[in-house]
Amino acid sequence: MNLKRVRQLLAQGEIGLRFADHAVIEARKDGLIVEDLENTVTTGELIEDHGVRALLLSFTEEDRLPCHVVLEYEPGTEEGVIVTAYIPDAKEWEPNWKRRRQKKRR
């Protein structure tokens, strides 16, 4: 994903940002608010790029909690979509919240 271009399109109002129902449900479960998700899209760090989907990381303003947002954007469409958003689980992520923990082999 060309995140810089997506952010530029959003800032210029050329595309909109939509929240998938799943994203709203998951964000609410973790106590995340709209501003946390929007902040992650506009300023978060790209930690995984899967073409039309990207995983972004930022930290909440109030509590400095890690926030992951999956953003989807198909070039040429009218909106970016926040697919899901959550506070990552320390059991599944390295302490920097940027890499998934490797599963131990038995």
N, C-alpha and C. Protein backbone atom coordinates (compact mmCIF):
# COMPACT_ATOMS: atom_id res chain seq x y z
N MET A 1 0.84 -1.18 0.00
CA MET A 1 0.00 0.00 0.00
C MET A 1 0.89 1.24 0.00
N ASN A 2 0.51 2.19 -0.80
CA ASN A 2 1.21 3.47 -0.80
C ASN A 2 0.54 4.35 0.26
N LEU A 3 0.97 4.17 1.50
CA LEU A 3 0.34 4.84 2.63
C LEU A 3 0.45 6.35 2.52
N LYS A 4 1.58 6.82 2.04
CA LYS A 4 1.75 8.27 1.88
C LYS A 4 0.68 8.83 0.94
N ARG A 5 0.42 8.14 -0.15
CA ARG A 5 -0.59 8.59 -1.12
C ARG A 5 -2.00 8.53 -0.53
N VAL A 6 -2.29 7.47 0.20
CA VAL A 6 -3.61 7.34 0.83
C VAL A 6 -3.82 8.49 1.80
N ARG A 7 -2.81 8.80 2.60
CA ARG A 7 -2.93 9.90 3.55
C ARG A 7 -3.13 11.23 2.84
N GLN A 8 -2.43 11.39 1.73
CA GLN A 8 -2.58 12.61 0.94
C GLN A 8 -4.00 12.73 0.40
N LEU A 9 -4.54 11.65 -0.13
CA LEU A 9 -5.91 11.66 -0.66
C LEU A 9 -6.92 11.96 0.43
N LEU A 10 -6.72 11.40 1.62
CA LEU A 10 -7.61 11.66 2.75
C LEU A 10 -7.53 13.14 3.15
N ALA A 11 -6.32 13.66 3.27
CA ALA A 11 -6.12 15.05 3.70
C ALA A 11 -6.74 16.03 2.70
N GLN A 12 -6.71 15.69 1.42
CA GLN A 12 -7.25 16.58 0.38
C GLN A 12 -8.75 16.37 0.17
N GLY A 13 -9.32 15.42 0.89
CA GLY A 13 -10.74 15.16 0.76
C GLY A 13 -11.12 14.45 -0.52
N GLU A 14 -10.15 13.86 -1.19
CA GLU A 14 -10.42 13.16 -2.44
C GLU A 14 -10.99 11.77 -2.21
N ILE A 15 -10.73 11.22 -1.03
CA ILE A 15 -11.35 9.96 -0.63
C ILE A 15 -11.85 10.13 0.81
N GLY A 16 -12.79 9.30 1.18
CA GLY A 16 -13.30 9.31 2.54
C GLY A 16 -12.73 8.16 3.34
N LEU A 17 -13.06 8.13 4.61
CA LEU A 17 -12.64 7.05 5.49
C LEU A 17 -13.89 6.45 6.11
N ARG A 18 -14.03 5.14 5.94
CA ARG A 18 -15.20 4.44 6.46
C ARG A 18 -14.74 3.44 7.52
N PHE A 19 -15.59 3.26 8.53
CA PHE A 19 -15.32 2.30 9.60
C PHE A 19 -16.21 1.08 9.37
N ALA A 20 -15.61 -0.08 9.12
CA ALA A 20 -16.39 -1.31 9.00
C ALA A 20 -17.04 -1.61 10.34
N ASP A 21 -18.20 -2.23 10.32
CA ASP A 21 -18.89 -2.58 11.56
C ASP A 21 -17.98 -3.36 12.50
N HIS A 22 -17.23 -4.30 11.95
CA HIS A 22 -16.31 -5.11 12.76
C HIS A 22 -15.30 -4.22 13.49
N ALA A 23 -14.79 -3.22 12.80
CA ALA A 23 -13.81 -2.32 13.42
C ALA A 23 -14.42 -1.57 14.59
N VAL A 24 -15.63 -1.10 14.43
CA VAL A 24 -16.31 -0.36 15.49
C VAL A 24 -16.52 -1.27 16.71
N ILE A 25 -16.98 -2.48 16.47
CA ILE A 25 -17.23 -3.42 17.57
C ILE A 25 -15.94 -3.73 18.32
N GLU A 26 -14.89 -4.08 17.58
CA GLU A 26 -13.63 -4.45 18.22
C GLU A 26 -12.99 -3.26 18.94
N ALA A 27 -13.05 -2.10 18.34
CA ALA A 27 -12.48 -0.91 18.97
C ALA A 27 -13.19 -0.61 20.29
N ARG A 28 -14.50 -0.68 20.27
CA ARG A 28 -15.27 -0.41 21.49
C ARG A 28 -14.94 -1.40 22.59
N LYS A 29 -14.76 -2.66 22.23
CA LYS A 29 -14.40 -3.69 23.22
C LYS A 29 -13.12 -3.30 23.97
N ASP A 30 -12.19 -2.68 23.24
CA ASP A 30 -10.90 -2.32 23.82
C ASP A 30 -10.86 -0.89 24.35
N GLY A 31 -11.98 -0.19 24.28
CA GLY A 31 -12.02 1.17 24.79
C GLY A 31 -11.41 2.21 23.87
N LEU A 32 -11.21 1.85 22.61
CA LEU A 32 -10.66 2.80 21.64
C LEU A 32 -11.78 3.71 21.13
N ILE A 33 -11.42 4.94 20.82
CA ILE A 33 -12.40 5.90 20.31
C ILE A 33 -12.05 6.28 18.87
N VAL A 34 -12.98 6.94 18.22
CA VAL A 34 -12.80 7.33 16.81
C VAL A 34 -11.48 8.07 16.61
N GLU A 35 -11.17 8.98 17.50
CA GLU A 35 -9.94 9.76 17.37
C GLU A 35 -8.69 8.87 17.38
N ASP A 36 -8.71 7.80 18.19
CA ASP A 36 -7.58 6.86 18.22
C ASP A 36 -7.39 6.22 16.85
N LEU A 37 -8.50 5.82 16.24
CA LEU A 37 -8.42 5.15 14.94
C LEU A 37 -8.00 6.12 13.85
N GLU A 38 -8.59 7.29 13.84
CA GLU A 38 -8.22 8.29 12.83
C GLU A 38 -6.76 8.70 12.98
N ASN A 39 -6.31 8.87 14.22
CA ASN A 39 -4.91 9.23 14.46
C ASN A 39 -3.97 8.14 13.94
N THR A 40 -4.36 6.90 14.13
CA THR A 40 -3.52 5.79 13.65
C THR A 40 -3.44 5.82 12.13
N VAL A 41 -4.54 6.08 11.46
CA VAL A 41 -4.54 6.15 9.99
C VAL A 41 -3.68 7.32 9.51
N THR A 42 -3.79 8.47 10.15
CA THR A 42 -3.10 9.65 9.64
C THR A 42 -1.64 9.76 10.07
N THR A 43 -1.28 9.16 11.22
CA THR A 43 0.10 9.34 11.69
C THR A 43 0.78 8.04 12.12
N GLY A 44 0.04 6.94 12.15
CA GLY A 44 0.61 5.68 12.65
C GLY A 44 1.71 5.13 11.76
N GLU A 45 2.46 4.23 12.34
CA GLU A 45 3.57 3.59 11.64
C GLU A 45 3.09 2.34 10.90
N LEU A 46 3.51 2.20 9.67
CA LEU A 46 3.20 1.01 8.87
C LEU A 46 4.06 -0.13 9.39
N ILE A 47 3.42 -1.21 9.88
CA ILE A 47 4.21 -2.34 10.39
C ILE A 47 4.03 -3.60 9.55
N GLU A 48 2.96 -3.70 8.79
CA GLU A 48 2.78 -4.81 7.85
C GLU A 48 2.07 -4.27 6.62
N ASP A 49 2.58 -4.63 5.45
CA ASP A 49 1.98 -4.19 4.19
C ASP A 49 1.56 -5.43 3.41
N HIS A 50 0.27 -5.52 3.13
CA HIS A 50 -0.28 -6.66 2.41
C HIS A 50 -0.97 -6.20 1.13
N GLY A 51 -0.38 -5.24 0.45
CA GLY A 51 -0.95 -4.75 -0.80
C GLY A 51 -2.06 -3.75 -0.57
N VAL A 52 -3.31 -4.19 -0.65
CA VAL A 52 -4.43 -3.27 -0.43
C VAL A 52 -4.79 -3.13 1.05
N ARG A 53 -4.16 -3.95 1.88
CA ARG A 53 -4.37 -3.86 3.34
C ARG A 53 -3.04 -3.60 4.02
N ALA A 54 -3.12 -2.81 5.09
CA ALA A 54 -1.91 -2.50 5.85
C ALA A 54 -2.26 -2.48 7.33
N LEU A 55 -1.31 -2.93 8.14
CA LEU A 55 -1.44 -2.87 9.59
C LEU A 55 -0.63 -1.68 10.09
N LEU A 56 -1.29 -0.81 10.83
CA LEU A 56 -0.67 0.40 11.34
C LEU A 56 -0.63 0.38 12.86
N LEU A 57 0.36 1.05 13.42
CA LEU A 57 0.53 1.13 14.87
C LEU A 57 0.64 2.58 15.30
N SER A 58 -0.08 2.92 16.34
CA SER A 58 0.12 4.20 17.04
C SER A 58 -0.20 3.95 18.51
N PHE A 59 -0.21 5.03 19.28
CA PHE A 59 -0.49 4.93 20.70
C PHE A 59 -1.59 5.93 21.05
N THR A 60 -2.50 5.51 21.93
CA THR A 60 -3.60 6.39 22.29
C THR A 60 -3.06 7.63 22.99
N GLU A 61 -3.73 8.75 22.76
CA GLU A 61 -3.30 10.02 23.34
C GLU A 61 -3.36 9.99 24.86
N GLU A 62 -4.47 9.52 25.38
CA GLU A 62 -4.71 9.62 26.81
C GLU A 62 -3.83 8.67 27.64
N ASP A 63 -3.81 7.39 27.27
CA ASP A 63 -3.13 6.39 28.09
C ASP A 63 -1.85 5.83 27.49
N ARG A 64 -1.53 6.25 26.27
CA ARG A 64 -0.34 5.74 25.56
C ARG A 64 -0.40 4.22 25.38
N LEU A 65 -1.61 3.70 25.16
CA LEU A 65 -1.78 2.28 24.88
C LEU A 65 -1.53 2.03 23.40
N PRO A 66 -0.94 0.88 23.05
CA PRO A 66 -0.74 0.58 21.64
C PRO A 66 -2.07 0.36 20.94
N CYS A 67 -2.15 0.79 19.71
CA CYS A 67 -3.36 0.65 18.92
C CYS A 67 -2.99 0.14 17.53
N HIS A 68 -3.57 -0.97 17.14
CA HIS A 68 -3.39 -1.50 15.79
C HIS A 68 -4.65 -1.23 14.98
N VAL A 69 -4.46 -0.79 13.75
CA VAL A 69 -5.57 -0.56 12.82
C VAL A 69 -5.21 -1.23 11.50
N VAL A 70 -6.16 -2.00 10.96
CA VAL A 70 -5.99 -2.55 9.62
C VAL A 70 -6.77 -1.63 8.68
N LEU A 71 -6.03 -1.03 7.75
CA LEU A 71 -6.60 -0.12 6.77
C LEU A 71 -6.58 -0.78 5.41
N GLU A 72 -7.68 -0.65 4.70
CA GLU A 72 -7.77 -1.21 3.35
C GLU A 72 -8.07 -0.08 2.37
N TYR A 73 -7.32 -0.07 1.26
CA TYR A 73 -7.60 0.91 0.21
C TYR A 73 -7.25 0.30 -1.15
N GLU A 74 -8.25 0.28 -2.01
CA GLU A 74 -8.06 -0.15 -3.40
C GLU A 74 -7.87 1.12 -4.22
N PRO A 75 -6.72 1.29 -4.88
CA PRO A 75 -6.53 2.49 -5.69
C PRO A 75 -7.69 2.69 -6.67
N GLY A 76 -8.11 3.94 -6.77
CA GLY A 76 -9.21 4.28 -7.67
C GLY A 76 -10.58 4.25 -7.03
N THR A 77 -10.67 3.76 -5.78
CA THR A 77 -11.96 3.74 -5.10
C THR A 77 -12.14 5.04 -4.32
N GLU A 78 -13.35 5.24 -3.81
CA GLU A 78 -13.69 6.50 -3.17
C GLU A 78 -13.43 6.56 -1.68
N GLU A 79 -13.00 5.43 -1.08
CA GLU A 79 -12.79 5.47 0.37
C GLU A 79 -11.77 4.44 0.82
N GLY A 80 -11.14 4.79 1.94
CA GLY A 80 -10.33 3.84 2.67
C GLY A 80 -11.23 3.25 3.74
N VAL A 81 -10.97 2.01 4.12
CA VAL A 81 -11.82 1.34 5.09
C VAL A 81 -10.96 0.86 6.26
N ILE A 82 -11.37 1.23 7.46
CA ILE A 82 -10.76 0.65 8.65
C ILE A 82 -11.47 -0.67 8.87
N VAL A 83 -10.75 -1.75 8.63
CA VAL A 83 -11.32 -3.10 8.68
C VAL A 83 -11.46 -3.58 10.11
N THR A 84 -10.43 -3.36 10.90
CA THR A 84 -10.48 -3.72 12.31
C THR A 84 -9.52 -2.82 13.08
N ALA A 85 -9.73 -2.76 14.38
CA ALA A 85 -8.88 -1.96 15.26
C ALA A 85 -8.91 -2.61 16.64
N TYR A 86 -7.75 -2.62 17.29
CA TYR A 86 -7.68 -3.30 18.58
C TYR A 86 -6.41 -2.90 19.32
N ILE A 87 -6.39 -3.18 20.61
CA ILE A 87 -5.17 -3.07 21.40
C ILE A 87 -4.51 -4.44 21.32
N PRO A 88 -3.28 -4.50 20.79
CA PRO A 88 -2.64 -5.81 20.62
C PRO A 88 -2.36 -6.50 21.95
N ASP A 89 -2.42 -7.83 21.91
CA ASP A 89 -2.19 -8.68 23.07
C ASP A 89 -0.69 -8.92 23.25
N ALA A 90 -0.17 -8.65 24.43
CA ALA A 90 1.25 -8.83 24.71
C ALA A 90 1.71 -10.27 24.53
N LYS A 91 0.79 -11.22 24.63
CA LYS A 91 1.15 -12.63 24.42
C LYS A 91 1.43 -12.92 22.95
N GLU A 92 0.88 -12.12 22.06
CA GLU A 92 1.01 -12.37 20.63
C GLU A 92 1.99 -11.44 19.92
N TRP A 93 2.38 -10.34 20.58
CA TRP A 93 3.23 -9.33 19.95
C TRP A 93 4.49 -9.09 20.76
N GLU A 94 5.58 -8.80 20.08
CA GLU A 94 6.83 -8.42 20.72
C GLU A 94 6.60 -7.13 21.51
N PRO A 95 7.46 -6.82 22.48
CA PRO A 95 7.26 -5.63 23.31
C PRO A 95 7.16 -4.30 22.55
N ASN A 96 7.71 -4.24 21.35
CA ASN A 96 7.62 -2.99 20.57
C ASN A 96 6.30 -2.89 19.78
N TRP A 97 5.47 -3.94 19.85
CA TRP A 97 4.15 -4.01 19.20
C TRP A 97 4.22 -4.04 17.69
N LYS A 98 5.42 -4.25 17.13
CA LYS A 98 5.60 -4.20 15.68
C LYS A 98 5.76 -5.57 15.04
N ARG A 99 6.08 -6.57 15.83
CA ARG A 99 6.28 -7.92 15.28
C ARG A 99 5.53 -8.94 16.10
N ARG A 100 4.97 -9.88 15.37
CA ARG A 100 4.27 -10.97 16.05
C ARG A 100 5.30 -11.88 16.71
N ARG A 101 4.96 -12.40 17.85
CA ARG A 101 5.86 -13.34 18.54
C ARG A 101 5.93 -14.63 17.73
N GLN A 102 7.10 -15.21 17.73
CA GLN A 102 7.29 -16.49 17.08
C GLN A 102 6.76 -17.58 17.99
N LYS A 103 6.00 -18.48 17.44
CA LYS A 103 5.49 -19.59 18.24
C LYS A 103 6.61 -20.58 18.50
N LYS A 104 6.70 -21.02 19.74
CA LYS A 104 7.75 -21.97 20.12
C LYS A 104 7.40 -23.35 19.61
N ARG A 105 8.40 -24.00 19.04
CA ARG A 105 8.20 -25.38 18.59
C ARG A 105 8.45 -26.31 19.73
N ARG A 106 7.71 -27.37 19.76
CA ARG A 106 7.85 -28.34 20.85
C ARG A 106 8.74 -29.47 20.44
